[in-house]
Amino acid sequence: MTLLDSKPRPGHQFEITGFTGDQVYRERLHEMGLRVGTKVTVLGRAPFRGPLLVRFNTSFLALRNEEAACAQVKAL
């Protein structure tokens, strides 16, 4: 399941298990610091299915739907 497929709600925690999809988005996620094994917490989503706000370690990210769809996750 991807981060977008998981229908994330605020407070849900996931562990990244891999990346799939377009190479550009995978590289972008990697450059932002997301790696396999990273635990992320969903903080919310912008209105009208906008970016997904997540926290990992001490960082905060707003992921576009295309980026969130590339991160394969498992629920914690």
PDB file of N, CA and C in Angstrom:
ATOM      1  N   MET A   1       0.853  -1.168   0.000  1.00  0.00           N
ATOM      2  CA  MET A   1       0.000   0.000   0.000  1.00  0.00           C
ATOM      3  C   MET A   1       0.894   1.224   0.000  1.00  0.00           C
ATOM      4  N   THR A   2       0.464   2.272  -0.695  1.00  0.00           N
ATOM      5  CA  THR A   2       1.228   3.518  -0.709  1.00  0.00           C
ATOM      6  C   THR A   2       0.665   4.475   0.338  1.00  0.00           C
ATOM      7  N   LEU A   3       1.430   5.501   0.609  1.00  0.00           N
ATOM      8  CA  LEU A   3       0.986   6.486   1.605  1.00  0.00           C
ATOM      9  C   LEU A   3      -0.326   7.122   1.190  1.00  0.00           C
ATOM     10  N   LEU A   4      -0.548   7.301  -0.091  1.00  0.00           N
ATOM     11  CA  LEU A   4      -1.794   7.897  -0.567  1.00  0.00           C
ATOM     12  C   LEU A   4      -2.955   6.909  -0.469  1.00  0.00           C
ATOM     13  N   ASP A   5      -2.698   5.624  -0.769  1.00  0.00           N
ATOM     14  CA  ASP A   5      -3.742   4.593  -0.702  1.00  0.00           C
ATOM     15  C   ASP A   5      -4.220   4.323   0.719  1.00  0.00           C
ATOM     16  N   SER A   6      -3.383   4.643   1.693  1.00  0.00           N
ATOM     17  CA  SER A   6      -3.681   4.267   3.076  1.00  0.00           C
ATOM     18  C   SER A   6      -4.772   5.115   3.704  1.00  0.00           C
ATOM     19  N   LYS A   7      -5.290   6.104   2.980  1.00  0.00           N
ATOM     20  CA  LYS A   7      -6.293   7.043   3.500  1.00  0.00           C
ATOM     21  C   LYS A   7      -5.843   7.572   4.872  1.00  0.00           C
ATOM     22  N   PRO A   8      -4.702   8.251   4.869  1.00  0.00           N
ATOM     23  CA  PRO A   8      -4.107   8.677   6.135  1.00  0.00           C
ATOM     24  C   PRO A   8      -4.948   9.719   6.858  1.00  0.00           C
ATOM     25  N   ARG A   9      -4.972   9.600   8.148  1.00  0.00           N
ATOM     26  CA  ARG A   9      -5.661  10.568   9.012  1.00  0.00           C
ATOM     27  C   ARG A   9      -4.642  11.117   9.994  1.00  0.00           C
ATOM     28  N   PRO A  10      -4.899  12.301  10.510  1.00  0.00           N
ATOM     29  CA  PRO A  10      -3.953  12.886  11.463  1.00  0.00           C
ATOM     30  C   PRO A  10      -3.679  11.940  12.637  1.00  0.00           C
ATOM     31  N   GLY A  11      -2.405  11.790  12.923  1.00  0.00           N
ATOM     32  CA  GLY A  11      -1.986  10.934  14.025  1.00  0.00           C
ATOM     33  C   GLY A  11      -1.574   9.537  13.597  1.00  0.00           C
ATOM     34  N   HIS A  12      -1.948   9.104  12.396  1.00  0.00           N
ATOM     35  CA  HIS A  12      -1.557   7.777  11.915  1.00  0.00           C
ATOM     36  C   HIS A  12      -0.055   7.740  11.677  1.00  0.00           C
ATOM     37  N   GLN A  13       0.533   6.601  12.029  1.00  0.00           N
ATOM     38  CA  GLN A  13       1.968   6.433  11.842  1.00  0.00           C
ATOM     39  C   GLN A  13       2.222   5.304  10.867  1.00  0.00           C
ATOM     40  N   PHE A  14       3.213   5.502  10.022  1.00  0.00           N
ATOM     41  CA  PHE A  14       3.582   4.532   9.001  1.00  0.00           C
ATOM     42  C   PHE A  14       5.097   4.389   8.958  1.00  0.00           C
ATOM     43  N   GLU A  15       5.520   3.228   8.457  1.00  0.00           N
ATOM     44  CA  GLU A  15       6.935   3.017   8.177  1.00  0.00           C
ATOM     45  C   GLU A  15       7.079   2.851   6.677  1.00  0.00           C
ATOM     46  N   ILE A  16       8.043   3.524   6.100  1.00  0.00           N
ATOM     47  CA  ILE A  16       8.273   3.423   4.661  1.00  0.00           C
ATOM     48  C   ILE A  16       8.964   2.096   4.371  1.00  0.00           C
ATOM     49  N   THR A  17       8.380   1.330   3.458  1.00  0.00           N
ATOM     50  CA  THR A  17       8.929   0.009   3.125  1.00  0.00           C
ATOM     51  C   THR A  17       9.572  -0.014   1.741  1.00  0.00           C
ATOM     52  N   GLY A  18       9.356   1.032   0.957  1.00  0.00           N
ATOM     53  CA  GLY A  18       9.950   1.074  -0.374  1.00  0.00           C
ATOM     54  C   GLY A  18       9.396   2.240  -1.161  1.00  0.00           C
ATOM     55  N   PHE A  19       9.868   2.332  -2.396  1.00  0.00           N
ATOM     56  CA  PHE A  19       9.414   3.408  -3.271  1.00  0.00           C
ATOM     57  C   PHE A  19       9.054   2.815  -4.623  1.00  0.00           C
ATOM     58  N   THR A  20       8.053   3.392  -5.263  1.00  0.00           N
ATOM     59  CA  THR A  20       7.601   2.929  -6.558  1.00  0.00           C
ATOM     60  C   THR A  20       7.199   4.141  -7.386  1.00  0.00           C
ATOM     61  N   GLY A  21       7.012   3.947  -8.667  1.00  0.00           N
ATOM     62  CA  GLY A  21       6.529   5.029  -9.504  1.00  0.00           C
ATOM     63  C   GLY A  21       7.627   5.745 -10.245  1.00  0.00           C
ATOM     64  N   ASP A  22       7.329   6.962 -10.639  1.00  0.00           N
ATOM     65  CA  ASP A  22       8.215   7.782 -11.466  1.00  0.00           C
ATOM     66  C   ASP A  22       9.556   8.025 -10.768  1.00  0.00           C
ATOM     67  N   GLN A  23      10.623   7.872 -11.527  1.00  0.00           N
ATOM     68  CA  GLN A  23      11.978   8.052 -10.995  1.00  0.00           C
ATOM     69  C   GLN A  23      12.184   9.455 -10.417  1.00  0.00           C
ATOM     70  N   VAL A  24      11.595  10.463 -11.053  1.00  0.00           N
ATOM     71  CA  VAL A  24      11.760  11.849 -10.591  1.00  0.00           C
ATOM     72  C   VAL A  24      11.208  12.007  -9.176  1.00  0.00           C
ATOM     73  N   TYR A  25      10.019  11.457  -8.935  1.00  0.00           N
ATOM     74  CA  TYR A  25       9.416  11.570  -7.604  1.00  0.00           C
ATOM     75  C   TYR A  25      10.183  10.755  -6.577  1.00  0.00           C
ATOM     76  N   ARG A  26      10.665   9.574  -6.973  1.00  0.00           N
ATOM     77  CA  ARG A  26      11.438   8.746  -6.033  1.00  0.00           C
ATOM     78  C   ARG A  26      12.716   9.473  -5.604  1.00  0.00           C
ATOM     79  N   GLU A  27      13.396  10.085  -6.565  1.00  0.00           N
ATOM     80  CA  GLU A  27      14.613  10.827  -6.231  1.00  0.00           C
ATOM     81  C   GLU A  27      14.292  12.017  -5.339  1.00  0.00           C
ATOM     82  N   ARG A  28      13.172  12.678  -5.624  1.00  0.00           N
ATOM     83  CA  ARG A  28      12.786  13.834  -4.818  1.00  0.00           C
ATOM     84  C   ARG A  28      12.531  13.436  -3.367  1.00  0.00           C
ATOM     85  N   LEU A  29      11.828  12.320  -3.158  1.00  0.00           N
ATOM     86  CA  LEU A  29      11.569  11.841  -1.797  1.00  0.00           C
ATOM     87  C   LEU A  29      12.872  11.498  -1.098  1.00  0.00           C
ATOM     88  N   HIS A  30      13.781  10.886  -1.833  1.00  0.00           N
ATOM     89  CA  HIS A  30      15.072  10.522  -1.265  1.00  0.00           C
ATOM     90  C   HIS A  30      15.857  11.780  -0.874  1.00  0.00           C
ATOM     91  N   GLU A  31      15.826  12.799  -1.724  1.00  0.00           N
ATOM     92  CA  GLU A  31      16.523  14.050  -1.426  1.00  0.00           C
ATOM     93  C   GLU A  31      15.914  14.764  -0.221  1.00  0.00           C
ATOM     94  N   MET A  32      14.618  14.578   0.002  1.00  0.00           N
ATOM     95  CA  MET A  32      13.969  15.208   1.149  1.00  0.00           C
ATOM     96  C   MET A  32      14.257  14.459   2.443  1.00  0.00           C
ATOM     97  N   GLY A  33      14.939  13.325   2.339  1.00  0.00           N
ATOM     98  CA  GLY A  33      15.337  12.599   3.540  1.00  0.00           C
ATOM     99  C   GLY A  33      14.514  11.377   3.858  1.00  0.00           C
ATOM    100  N   LEU A  34      13.544  11.049   3.017  1.00  0.00           N
ATOM    101  CA  LEU A  34      12.734   9.855   3.266  1.00  0.00           C
ATOM    102  C   LEU A  34      13.484   8.634   2.758  1.00  0.00           C
ATOM    103  N   ARG A  35      13.671   7.656   3.621  1.00  0.00           N
ATOM    104  CA  ARG A  35      14.391   6.430   3.296  1.00  0.00           C
ATOM    105  C   ARG A  35      13.561   5.236   3.738  1.00  0.00           C
ATOM    106  N   VAL A  36      13.904   4.064   3.222  1.00  0.00           N
ATOM    107  CA  VAL A  36      13.245   2.839   3.682  1.00  0.00           C
ATOM    108  C   VAL A  36      13.529   2.695   5.176  1.00  0.00           C
ATOM    109  N   GLY A  37      12.481   2.431   5.939  1.00  0.00           N
ATOM    110  CA  GLY A  37      12.610   2.298   7.387  1.00  0.00           C
ATOM    111  C   GLY A  37      12.263   3.560   8.148  1.00  0.00           C
ATOM    112  N   THR A  38      12.113   4.690   7.433  1.00  0.00           N
ATOM    113  CA  THR A  38      11.741   5.950   8.091  1.00  0.00           C
ATOM    114  C   THR A  38      10.304   5.854   8.594  1.00  0.00           C
ATOM    115  N   LYS A  39      10.097   6.285   9.830  1.00  0.00           N
ATOM    116  CA  LYS A  39       8.751   6.320  10.398  1.00  0.00           C
ATOM    117  C   LYS A  39       8.195   7.734  10.251  1.00  0.00           C
ATOM    118  N   VAL A  40       7.007   7.831   9.651  1.00  0.00           N
ATOM    119  CA  VAL A  40       6.374   9.133   9.438  1.00  0.00           C
ATOM    120  C   VAL A  40       5.046   9.188  10.175  1.00  0.00           C
ATOM    121  N   THR A  41       4.712  10.379  10.641  1.00  0.00           N
ATOM    122  CA  THR A  41       3.431  10.623  11.300  1.00  0.00           C
ATOM    123  C   THR A  41       2.649  11.610  10.458  1.00  0.00           C
ATOM    124  N   VAL A  42       1.410  11.278  10.149  1.00  0.00           N
ATOM    125  CA  VAL A  42       0.550  12.164   9.368  1.00  0.00           C
ATOM    126  C   VAL A  42       0.004  13.247  10.286  1.00  0.00           C
ATOM    127  N   LEU A  43       0.170  14.493   9.867  1.00  0.00           N
ATOM    128  CA  LEU A  43      -0.320  15.619  10.661  1.00  0.00           C
ATOM    129  C   LEU A  43      -1.603  16.196  10.093  1.00  0.00           C
ATOM    130  N   GLY A  44      -1.833  16.022   8.805  1.00  0.00           N
ATOM    131  CA  GLY A  44      -3.059  16.553   8.212  1.00  0.00           C
ATOM    132  C   GLY A  44      -2.948  16.656   6.716  1.00  0.00           C
ATOM    133  N   ARG A  45      -3.999  17.191   6.142  1.00  0.00           N
ATOM    134  CA  ARG A  45      -4.045  17.359   4.695  1.00  0.00           C
ATOM    135  C   ARG A  45      -4.665  18.723   4.391  1.00  0.00           C
ATOM    136  N   ALA A  46      -4.135  19.373   3.372  1.00  0.00           N
ATOM    137  CA  ALA A  46      -4.690  20.652   2.941  1.00  0.00           C
ATOM    138  C   ALA A  46      -6.075  20.422   2.333  1.00  0.00           C
ATOM    139  N   PRO A  47      -6.924  21.443   2.326  1.00  0.00           N
ATOM    140  CA  PRO A  47      -8.270  21.287   1.773  1.00  0.00           C
ATOM    141  C   PRO A  47      -8.254  20.873   0.293  1.00  0.00           C
ATOM    142  N   PHE A  48      -9.346  20.289  -0.120  1.00  0.00           N
ATOM    143  CA  PHE A  48      -9.556  19.859  -1.518  1.00  0.00           C
ATOM    144  C   PHE A  48      -8.496  18.861  -1.979  1.00  0.00           C
ATOM    145  N   ARG A  49      -8.194  17.892  -1.126  1.00  0.00           N
ATOM    146  CA  ARG A  49      -7.207  16.839  -1.412  1.00  0.00           C
ATOM    147  C   ARG A  49      -5.845  17.418  -1.788  1.00  0.00           C
ATOM    148  N   GLY A  50      -5.475  18.433  -1.068  1.00  0.00           N
ATOM    149  CA  GLY A  50      -4.184  19.076  -1.278  1.00  0.00           C
ATOM    150  C   GLY A  50      -3.058  18.273  -0.675  1.00  0.00           C
ATOM    151  N   PRO A  51      -1.883  18.897  -0.517  1.00  0.00           N
ATOM    152  CA  PRO A  51      -0.716  18.186   0.002  1.00  0.00           C
ATOM    153  C   PRO A  51      -0.966  17.562   1.372  1.00  0.00           C
ATOM    154  N   LEU A  52      -0.228  16.489   1.602  1.00  0.00           N
ATOM    155  CA  LEU A  52      -0.303  15.735   2.854  1.00  0.00           C
ATOM    156  C   LEU A  52       0.853  16.191   3.736  1.00  0.00           C
ATOM    157  N   LEU A  53       0.539  16.666   4.932  1.00  0.00           N
ATOM    158  CA  LEU A  53       1.574  17.130   5.848  1.00  0.00           C
ATOM    159  C   LEU A  53       2.008  15.975   6.741  1.00  0.00           C
ATOM    160  N   VAL A  54       3.318  15.682   6.706  1.00  0.00           N
ATOM    161  CA  VAL A  54       3.855  14.587   7.524  1.00  0.00           C
ATOM    162  C   VAL A  54       5.060  15.083   8.316  1.00  0.00           C
ATOM    163  N   ARG A  55       5.342  14.365   9.389  1.00  0.00           N
ATOM    164  CA  ARG A  55       6.516  14.650  10.213  1.00  0.00           C
ATOM    165  C   ARG A  55       7.345  13.381  10.300  1.00  0.00           C
ATOM    166  N   PHE A  56       8.641  13.507  10.195  1.00  0.00           N
ATOM    167  CA  PHE A  56       9.544  12.394  10.460  1.00  0.00           C
ATOM    168  C   PHE A  56      10.779  12.967  11.123  1.00  0.00           C
ATOM    169  N   ASN A  57      11.289  12.235  12.096  1.00  0.00           N
ATOM    170  CA  ASN A  57      12.402  12.735  12.923  1.00  0.00           C
ATOM    171  C   ASN A  57      12.053  14.139  13.403  1.00  0.00           C
ATOM    172  N   THR A  58      12.842  15.141  13.013  1.00  0.00           N
ATOM    173  CA  THR A  58      12.542  16.521  13.417  1.00  0.00           C
ATOM    174  C   THR A  58      12.104  17.364  12.224  1.00  0.00           C
ATOM    175  N   SER A  59      11.763  16.716  11.115  1.00  0.00           N
ATOM    176  CA  SER A  59      11.412  17.422   9.887  1.00  0.00           C
ATOM    177  C   SER A  59       9.919  17.349   9.588  1.00  0.00           C
ATOM    178  N   PHE A  60       9.444  18.354   8.898  1.00  0.00           N
ATOM    179  CA  PHE A  60       8.066  18.409   8.439  1.00  0.00           C
ATOM    180  C   PHE A  60       8.085  18.536   6.923  1.00  0.00           C
ATOM    181  N   LEU A  61       7.189  17.804   6.252  1.00  0.00           N
ATOM    182  CA  LEU A  61       7.103  17.853   4.800  1.00  0.00           C
ATOM    183  C   LEU A  61       5.644  17.954   4.374  1.00  0.00           C
ATOM    184  N   ALA A  62       5.417  18.676   3.289  1.00  0.00           N
ATOM    185  CA  ALA A  62       4.113  18.682   2.630  1.00  0.00           C
ATOM    186  C   ALA A  62       4.307  17.920   1.328  1.00  0.00           C
ATOM    187  N   LEU A  63       3.715  16.735   1.235  1.00  0.00           N
ATOM    188  CA  LEU A  63       3.889  15.885   0.063  1.00  0.00           C
ATOM    189  C   LEU A  63       2.712  16.034  -0.882  1.00  0.00           C
ATOM    190  N   ARG A  64       3.018  16.270  -2.151  1.00  0.00           N
ATOM    191  CA  ARG A  64       1.962  16.273  -3.165  1.00  0.00           C
ATOM    192  C   ARG A  64       1.432  14.856  -3.307  1.00  0.00           C
ATOM    193  N   ASN A  65       0.240  14.751  -3.868  1.00  0.00           N
ATOM    194  CA  ASN A  65      -0.358  13.422  -4.056  1.00  0.00           C
ATOM    195  C   ASN A  65       0.539  12.522  -4.889  1.00  0.00           C
ATOM    196  N   GLU A  66       1.187  13.072  -5.926  1.00  0.00           N
ATOM    197  CA  GLU A  66       2.069  12.273  -6.780  1.00  0.00           C
ATOM    198  C   GLU A  66       3.249  11.726  -5.992  1.00  0.00           C
ATOM    199  N   GLU A  67       3.756  12.513  -5.051  1.00  0.00           N
ATOM    200  CA  GLU A  67       4.885  12.078  -4.226  1.00  0.00           C
ATOM    201  C   GLU A  67       4.429  11.050  -3.196  1.00  0.00           C
ATOM    202  N   ALA A  68       3.283  11.309  -2.563  1.00  0.00           N
ATOM    203  CA  ALA A  68       2.782  10.375  -1.556  1.00  0.00           C
ATOM    204  C   ALA A  68       2.440   9.019  -2.178  1.00  0.00           C
ATOM    205  N   ALA A  69       2.042   9.024  -3.454  1.00  0.00           N
ATOM    206  CA  ALA A  69       1.699   7.773  -4.130  1.00  0.00           C
ATOM    207  C   ALA A  69       2.930   6.927  -4.427  1.00  0.00           C
ATOM    208  N   CYS A  70       4.116   7.494  -4.336  1.00  0.00           N
ATOM    209  CA  CYS A  70       5.357   6.755  -4.604  1.00  0.00           C
ATOM    210  C   CYS A  70       5.913   6.073  -3.365  1.00  0.00           C
ATOM    211  N   ALA A  71       5.473   6.457  -2.180  1.00  0.00           N
ATOM    212  CA  ALA A  71       6.011   5.896  -0.941  1.00  0.00           C
ATOM    213  C   ALA A  71       5.168   4.702  -0.503  1.00  0.00           C
ATOM    214  N   GLN A  72       5.761   3.514  -0.536  1.00  0.00           N
ATOM    215  CA  GLN A  72       5.070   2.324  -0.038  1.00  0.00           C
ATOM    216  C   GLN A  72       5.259   2.276   1.470  1.00  0.00           C
ATOM    217  N   VAL A  73       4.170   1.998   2.181  1.00  0.00           N
ATOM    218  CA  VAL A  73       4.210   2.058   3.642  1.00  0.00           C
ATOM    219  C   VAL A  73       3.485   0.878   4.269  1.00  0.00           C
ATOM    220  N   LYS A  74       3.765   0.679   5.554  1.00  0.00           N
ATOM    221  CA  LYS A  74       2.952  -0.230   6.359  1.00  0.00           C
ATOM    222  C   LYS A  74       2.566   0.528   7.619  1.00  0.00           C
ATOM    223  N   ALA A  75       1.365   0.281   8.086  1.00  0.00           N
ATOM    224  CA  ALA A  75       0.860   0.975   9.271  1.00  0.00           C
ATOM    225  C   ALA A  75       1.579   0.465  10.511  1.00  0.00           C
ATOM    226  N   LEU A  76       1.802   1.363  11.452  1.00  0.00           N
ATOM    227  CA  LEU A  76       2.425   0.982  12.721  1.00  0.00           C
ATOM    228  C   LEU A  76       1.381   0.910  13.809  1.00  0.00           C
TER     229      LEU A  76
END
